[in-house]
Amino acid sequence: MTEEEKALAGMLYYAKEESLQKERERSQELSYAYNQLRPCQVQEREEMIRREMKKTGKNFRIEEPFHCDFWGRVTLGENFFANYHLVILAGNEVTFGDEVMIGPSCGIYAAGHPFDTVRRDEGLEYALPIHIGNHVWIGGHVSIVSGVTIGDNTIIGAGSVVVSDIPSGVLACGNPCRVIRKIGPGDDQKFLGNGF
């Protein structure tokens, strides 16, 4: 079993293995090139993302700067939007559903290090997939860690640290992130009187 196969299987793997290191360096170069594009070069940005990511919807946008260590493990659904300073550590698959919005300065971390110092010092890591459902809004400065699934129609409040699964249809926030309540029809009531 290769180190990449171990990583994608959620097993401990040697992160500095040569082929993984080369792919990581290639992705760093992609991130650098992406971030050098001018804001008006929308077509070039889209072409780069379509070519290098695992899968994308027809419409998406990722504002610069953007950093990802394994571009080829990321899937973007339809109408995906990420604001400035998104970081994706894709030691394993990272999947975003349709209509996902991500606020500024967020981190999606499908990679982690062992608690055991001997294994950690040997350069072993683990990576578990992250799945974000459809119609999810992630507020600014949110961190989502390895192995987390966020259900459809959910909002993650700004500044949250998501360390466990969050179900569908809820407002969740905090450190650690926890469900506050179900989202209901009255949640937008204060805006409806303003002509929306």
C-alpha atoms as a PDB file:
ATOM      1  CA  MET A   1       0.000   0.000   0.000  1.00  0.00           C
ATOM      2  CA  THR A   2       1.436   3.390  -0.982  1.00  0.00           C
ATOM      3  CA  GLU A   3       1.596   6.314   1.420  1.00  0.00           C
ATOM      4  CA  GLU A   4      -1.083   8.101  -0.626  1.00  0.00           C
ATOM      5  CA  GLU A   5      -3.356   5.053  -0.419  1.00  0.00           C
ATOM      6  CA  LYS A   6      -2.820   4.987   3.345  1.00  0.00           C
ATOM      7  CA  ALA A   7      -3.696   8.691   3.574  1.00  0.00           C
ATOM      8  CA  LEU A   8      -6.904   8.275   1.575  1.00  0.00           C
ATOM      9  CA  ALA A   9      -7.828   5.220   3.684  1.00  0.00           C
ATOM     10  CA  GLY A  10      -7.545   7.273   6.890  1.00  0.00           C
ATOM     11  CA  MET A  11      -4.464   5.397   8.097  1.00  0.00           C
ATOM     12  CA  LEU A  12      -1.256   6.838   9.479  1.00  0.00           C
ATOM     13  CA  TYR A  13       1.059   7.661   6.602  1.00  0.00           C
ATOM     14  CA  TYR A  14       4.492   9.161   6.092  1.00  0.00           C
ATOM     15  CA  ALA A  15       3.743  12.682   4.864  1.00  0.00           C
ATOM     16  CA  LYS A  16       7.254  13.377   3.582  1.00  0.00           C
ATOM     17  CA  GLU A  17       7.243  10.435   1.170  1.00  0.00           C
ATOM     18  CA  GLU A  18       8.734  11.591  -2.143  1.00  0.00           C
ATOM     19  CA  SER A  19       5.669  11.402  -4.414  1.00  0.00           C
ATOM     20  CA  LEU A  20       3.450  13.086  -1.810  1.00  0.00           C
ATOM     21  CA  GLN A  21       6.050  15.786  -1.312  1.00  0.00           C
ATOM     22  CA  LYS A  22       6.239  16.406  -5.071  1.00  0.00           C
ATOM     23  CA  GLU A  23       2.454  16.682  -5.345  1.00  0.00           C
ATOM     24  CA  ARG A  24       2.357  19.037  -2.371  1.00  0.00           C
ATOM     25  CA  GLU A  25       5.040  21.213  -3.964  1.00  0.00           C
ATOM     26  CA  ARG A  26       3.126  21.177  -7.265  1.00  0.00           C
ATOM     27  CA  SER A  27      -0.012  22.329  -5.437  1.00  0.00           C
ATOM     28  CA  GLN A  28       1.954  25.066  -3.710  1.00  0.00           C
ATOM     29  CA  GLU A  29       3.056  26.274  -7.131  1.00  0.00           C
ATOM     30  CA  LEU A  30      -0.566  26.180  -8.306  1.00  0.00           C
ATOM     31  CA  SER A  31      -1.657  28.231  -5.311  1.00  0.00           C
ATOM     32  CA  TYR A  32       1.118  30.733  -5.963  1.00  0.00           C
ATOM     33  CA  ALA A  33       0.202  31.033  -9.664  1.00  0.00           C
ATOM     34  CA  TYR A  34      -3.500  31.374  -8.841  1.00  0.00           C
ATOM     35  CA  ASN A  35      -2.805  34.150  -6.360  1.00  0.00           C
ATOM     36  CA  GLN A  36      -0.725  36.064  -8.934  1.00  0.00           C
ATOM     37  CA  LEU A  37      -3.666  36.363 -11.322  1.00  0.00           C
ATOM     38  CA  ARG A  38      -5.307  39.748 -11.451  1.00  0.00           C
ATOM     39  CA  PRO A  39      -8.874  40.016 -10.110  1.00  0.00           C
ATOM     40  CA  CYS A  40     -10.105  40.717 -13.659  1.00  0.00           C
ATOM     41  CA  GLN A  41      -8.641  37.397 -14.909  1.00  0.00           C
ATOM     42  CA  VAL A  42     -11.776  35.489 -13.966  1.00  0.00           C
ATOM     43  CA  GLN A  43     -11.628  33.137 -16.943  1.00  0.00           C
ATOM     44  CA  GLU A  44      -8.023  32.155 -16.208  1.00  0.00           C
ATOM     45  CA  ARG A  45      -8.860  31.481 -12.549  1.00  0.00           C
ATOM     46  CA  GLU A  46     -11.853  29.332 -13.486  1.00  0.00           C
ATOM     47  CA  GLU A  47      -9.859  27.372 -16.080  1.00  0.00           C
ATOM     48  CA  MET A  48      -7.128  26.657 -13.555  1.00  0.00           C
ATOM     49  CA  ILE A  49      -9.579  25.419 -10.941  1.00  0.00           C
ATOM     50  CA  ARG A  50     -11.476  23.254 -13.445  1.00  0.00           C
ATOM     51  CA  ARG A  51      -8.248  21.731 -14.725  1.00  0.00           C
ATOM     52  CA  GLU A  52      -6.621  21.052 -11.354  1.00  0.00           C
ATOM     53  CA  MET A  53      -9.394  20.207  -8.885  1.00  0.00           C
ATOM     54  CA  LYS A  54     -11.015  16.787  -8.758  1.00  0.00           C
ATOM     55  CA  LYS A  55     -14.406  18.097  -9.865  1.00  0.00           C
ATOM     56  CA  THR A  56     -16.268  21.404 -10.068  1.00  0.00           C
ATOM     57  CA  GLY A  57     -19.715  22.676 -10.832  1.00  0.00           C
ATOM     58  CA  LYS A  58     -20.291  24.993 -13.783  1.00  0.00           C
ATOM     59  CA  ASN A  59     -20.316  28.150 -11.640  1.00  0.00           C
ATOM     60  CA  PHE A  60     -17.931  28.844  -8.754  1.00  0.00           C
ATOM     61  CA  ARG A  61     -15.629  31.525  -7.404  1.00  0.00           C
ATOM     62  CA  ILE A  62     -12.657  31.464  -5.049  1.00  0.00           C
ATOM     63  CA  GLU A  63     -11.255  34.849  -4.111  1.00  0.00           C
ATOM     64  CA  GLU A  64      -7.523  35.320  -3.718  1.00  0.00           C
ATOM     65  CA  PRO A  65      -5.514  34.592  -1.745  1.00  0.00           C
ATOM     66  CA  PHE A  66      -6.262  30.883  -1.740  1.00  0.00           C
ATOM     67  CA  HIS A  67      -3.984  28.088  -0.557  1.00  0.00           C
ATOM     68  CA  CYS A  68      -4.382  24.326  -0.950  1.00  0.00           C
ATOM     69  CA  ASP A  69      -1.829  21.566  -0.474  1.00  0.00           C
ATOM     70  CA  PHE A  70      -3.503  18.943  -2.737  1.00  0.00           C
ATOM     71  CA  TRP A  71      -5.719  20.589  -5.351  1.00  0.00           C
ATOM     72  CA  GLY A  72      -6.661  17.263  -6.950  1.00  0.00           C
ATOM     73  CA  ARG A  73      -8.520  16.064  -3.840  1.00  0.00           C
ATOM     74  CA  VAL A  74     -11.031  18.933  -3.738  1.00  0.00           C
ATOM     75  CA  THR A  75     -14.560  18.820  -5.208  1.00  0.00           C
ATOM     76  CA  LEU A  76     -16.623  22.001  -5.615  1.00  0.00           C
ATOM     77  CA  GLY A  77     -20.374  21.827  -6.113  1.00  0.00           C
ATOM     78  CA  GLU A  78     -22.484  24.183  -8.204  1.00  0.00           C
ATOM     79  CA  ASN A  79     -22.413  27.895  -7.252  1.00  0.00           C
ATOM     80  CA  PHE A  80     -19.597  27.481  -4.740  1.00  0.00           C
ATOM     81  CA  PHE A  81     -18.234  30.749  -3.331  1.00  0.00           C
ATOM     82  CA  ALA A  82     -15.235  31.283  -1.054  1.00  0.00           C
ATOM     83  CA  ASN A  83     -14.177  34.689   0.192  1.00  0.00           C
ATOM     84  CA  TYR A  84     -10.592  35.857   0.801  1.00  0.00           C
ATOM     85  CA  HIS A  85      -7.957  33.738   2.595  1.00  0.00           C
ATOM     86  CA  LEU A  86      -9.396  30.235   2.252  1.00  0.00           C
ATOM     87  CA  VAL A  87      -6.947  27.473   3.231  1.00  0.00           C
ATOM     88  CA  ILE A  88      -7.699  23.842   2.369  1.00  0.00           C
ATOM     89  CA  LEU A  89      -5.395  21.117   3.666  1.00  0.00           C
ATOM     90  CA  ALA A  90      -6.582  18.188   1.597  1.00  0.00           C
ATOM     91  CA  GLY A  91      -4.642  15.275   3.034  1.00  0.00           C
ATOM     92  CA  ASN A  92      -7.844  13.402   2.201  1.00  0.00           C
ATOM     93  CA  GLU A  93     -10.861  14.239   0.027  1.00  0.00           C
ATOM     94  CA  VAL A  94     -12.625  17.557   0.699  1.00  0.00           C
ATOM     95  CA  THR A  95     -16.095  17.761  -0.846  1.00  0.00           C
ATOM     96  CA  PHE A  96     -18.348  20.812  -1.002  1.00  0.00           C
ATOM     97  CA  GLY A  97     -21.976  20.443  -2.098  1.00  0.00           C
ATOM     98  CA  ASP A  98     -24.010  22.881  -4.176  1.00  0.00           C
ATOM     99  CA  GLU A  99     -24.696  26.468  -3.090  1.00  0.00           C
ATOM    100  CA  VAL A 100     -21.944  26.576  -0.434  1.00  0.00           C
ATOM    101  CA  MET A 101     -20.747  29.987   0.757  1.00  0.00           C
ATOM    102  CA  ILE A 102     -17.573  30.394   2.807  1.00  0.00           C
ATOM    103  CA  GLY A 103     -16.667  33.615   4.622  1.00  0.00           C
ATOM    104  CA  PRO A 104     -13.177  35.135   4.777  1.00  0.00           C
ATOM    105  CA  SER A 105     -10.202  33.595   6.546  1.00  0.00           C
ATOM    106  CA  CYS A 106     -11.542  30.050   6.866  1.00  0.00           C
ATOM    107  CA  GLY A 107      -9.539  26.848   7.176  1.00  0.00           C
ATOM    108  CA  ILE A 108     -10.671  23.391   6.063  1.00  0.00           C
ATOM    109  CA  TYR A 109      -8.183  20.893   7.490  1.00  0.00           C
ATOM    110  CA  ALA A 110      -8.544  17.265   6.377  1.00  0.00           C
ATOM    111  CA  ALA A 111      -5.144  16.515   7.893  1.00  0.00           C
ATOM    112  CA  GLY A 112      -3.908  15.942  11.414  1.00  0.00           C
ATOM    113  CA  HIS A 113      -0.996  14.759  13.499  1.00  0.00           C
ATOM    114  CA  PRO A 114      -0.851  11.891  16.020  1.00  0.00           C
ATOM    115  CA  PHE A 115      -1.100  12.722  19.710  1.00  0.00           C
ATOM    116  CA  ASP A 116       1.767  10.299  20.341  1.00  0.00           C
ATOM    117  CA  THR A 117       4.968  12.359  20.146  1.00  0.00           C
ATOM    118  CA  VAL A 118       7.117   9.487  18.831  1.00  0.00           C
ATOM    119  CA  ARG A 119       4.857   8.935  15.802  1.00  0.00           C
ATOM    120  CA  ARG A 120       4.442  12.665  15.310  1.00  0.00           C
ATOM    121  CA  ASP A 121       8.219  13.215  15.406  1.00  0.00           C
ATOM    122  CA  GLU A 122       8.663  10.431  12.820  1.00  0.00           C
ATOM    123  CA  GLY A 123       6.638  12.520  10.362  1.00  0.00           C
ATOM    124  CA  LEU A 124       3.504  10.384  10.463  1.00  0.00           C
ATOM    125  CA  GLU A 125       0.174  12.075   9.823  1.00  0.00           C
ATOM    126  CA  TYR A 126      -3.432  11.067   9.336  1.00  0.00           C
ATOM    127  CA  ALA A 127      -6.109  12.481   7.073  1.00  0.00           C
ATOM    128  CA  LEU A 128      -9.862  11.970   7.158  1.00  0.00           C
ATOM    129  CA  PRO A 129     -12.317  13.251   4.535  1.00  0.00           C
ATOM    130  CA  ILE A 130     -14.428  16.358   5.056  1.00  0.00           C
ATOM    131  CA  HIS A 131     -17.921  16.562   3.554  1.00  0.00           C
ATOM    132  CA  ILE A 132     -19.890  19.811   3.458  1.00  0.00           C
ATOM    133  CA  GLY A 133     -23.472  19.480   2.263  1.00  0.00           C
ATOM    134  CA  ASN A 134     -25.671  21.602   0.015  1.00  0.00           C
ATOM    135  CA  HIS A 135     -26.827  25.126   0.892  1.00  0.00           C
ATOM    136  CA  VAL A 136     -24.280  25.555   3.693  1.00  0.00           C
ATOM    137  CA  TRP A 137     -23.089  28.974   4.847  1.00  0.00           C
ATOM    138  CA  ILE A 138     -19.803  29.035   6.760  1.00  0.00           C
ATOM    139  CA  GLY A 139     -19.077  32.337   8.502  1.00  0.00           C
ATOM    140  CA  GLY A 140     -15.721  34.069   8.603  1.00  0.00           C
ATOM    141  CA  HIS A 141     -12.757  32.694  10.571  1.00  0.00           C
ATOM    142  CA  VAL A 142     -14.214  29.173  10.858  1.00  0.00           C
ATOM    143  CA  SER A 143     -11.937  26.147  11.219  1.00  0.00           C
ATOM    144  CA  ILE A 144     -13.191  22.693  10.197  1.00  0.00           C
ATOM    145  CA  VAL A 145     -11.042  19.712  11.164  1.00  0.00           C
ATOM    146  CA  SER A 146     -10.376  16.279   9.726  1.00  0.00           C
ATOM    147  CA  GLY A 147     -13.260  13.825   9.491  1.00  0.00           C
ATOM    148  CA  VAL A 148     -16.130  16.307   9.866  1.00  0.00           C
ATOM    149  CA  THR A 149     -19.415  16.179   7.941  1.00  0.00           C
ATOM    150  CA  ILE A 150     -21.739  19.199   7.843  1.00  0.00           C
ATOM    151  CA  GLY A 151     -25.308  18.513   6.751  1.00  0.00           C
ATOM    152  CA  ASP A 152     -27.416  20.365   4.187  1.00  0.00           C
ATOM    153  CA  ASN A 153     -29.037  23.748   4.876  1.00  0.00           C
ATOM    154  CA  THR A 154     -26.807  24.498   7.860  1.00  0.00           C
ATOM    155  CA  ILE A 155     -25.123  27.713   9.001  1.00  0.00           C
ATOM    156  CA  ILE A 156     -21.817  27.680  10.892  1.00  0.00           C
ATOM    157  CA  GLY A 157     -21.386  30.911  12.865  1.00  0.00           C
ATOM    158  CA  ALA A 158     -18.298  33.076  12.498  1.00  0.00           C
ATOM    159  CA  GLY A 159     -15.252  32.089  14.534  1.00  0.00           C
ATOM    160  CA  SER A 160     -16.386  28.522  15.132  1.00  0.00           C
ATOM    161  CA  VAL A 161     -14.088  25.524  15.457  1.00  0.00           C
ATOM    162  CA  VAL A 162     -15.908  22.499  14.030  1.00  0.00           C
ATOM    163  CA  VAL A 163     -14.485  19.309  15.555  1.00  0.00           C
ATOM    164  CA  SER A 164     -17.467  16.962  15.133  1.00  0.00           C
ATOM    165  CA  ASP A 165     -20.307  16.351  12.688  1.00  0.00           C
ATOM    166  CA  ILE A 166     -23.073  18.956  12.437  1.00  0.00           C
ATOM    167  CA  PRO A 167     -26.549  17.840  11.274  1.00  0.00           C
ATOM    168  CA  SER A 168     -28.713  19.376   8.553  1.00  0.00           C
ATOM    169  CA  GLY A 169     -30.914  22.423   8.999  1.00  0.00           C
ATOM    170  CA  VAL A 170     -29.311  23.977  12.061  1.00  0.00           C
ATOM    171  CA  LEU A 171     -27.459  27.042  13.263  1.00  0.00           C
ATOM    172  CA  ALA A 172     -24.245  25.929  14.958  1.00  0.00           C
ATOM    173  CA  CYS A 173     -21.388  27.947  16.410  1.00  0.00           C
ATOM    174  CA  GLY A 174     -18.760  28.143  19.109  1.00  0.00           C
ATOM    175  CA  ASN A 175     -15.504  26.532  20.136  1.00  0.00           C
ATOM    176  CA  PRO A 176     -16.100  23.687  20.004  1.00  0.00           C
ATOM    177  CA  CYS A 177     -18.919  24.230  17.525  1.00  0.00           C
ATOM    178  CA  ARG A 178     -22.276  22.956  18.743  1.00  0.00           C
ATOM    179  CA  VAL A 179     -25.868  23.119  17.553  1.00  0.00           C
ATOM    180  CA  ILE A 180     -27.662  26.212  18.840  1.00  0.00           C
ATOM    181  CA  ARG A 181     -31.062  25.511  17.296  1.00  0.00           C
ATOM    182  CA  LYS A 182     -32.952  24.431  14.216  1.00  0.00           C
ATOM    183  CA  ILE A 183     -33.273  27.023  11.472  1.00  0.00           C
ATOM    184  CA  GLY A 184     -36.891  28.077  10.989  1.00  0.00           C
ATOM    185  CA  PRO A 185     -39.058  30.313   8.806  1.00  0.00           C
ATOM    186  CA  GLY A 186     -38.951  33.159  11.337  1.00  0.00           C
ATOM    187  CA  ASP A 187     -35.174  33.548  11.199  1.00  0.00           C
ATOM    188  CA  ASP A 188     -35.263  36.090   8.359  1.00  0.00           C
ATOM    189  CA  GLN A 189     -38.324  37.927   9.658  1.00  0.00           C
ATOM    190  CA  LYS A 190     -36.390  41.050  10.694  1.00  0.00           C
ATOM    191  CA  PHE A 191     -35.141  41.465   7.083  1.00  0.00           C
ATOM    192  CA  LEU A 192     -38.472  40.851   5.370  1.00  0.00           C
ATOM    193  CA  GLY A 193     -39.834  44.240   6.473  1.00  0.00           C
ATOM    194  CA  ASN A 194     -36.964  45.925   4.619  1.00  0.00           C
ATOM    195  CA  GLY A 195     -38.218  45.009   1.170  1.00  0.00           C
ATOM    196  CA  PHE A 196     -36.548  41.618   0.809  1.00  0.00           C
END
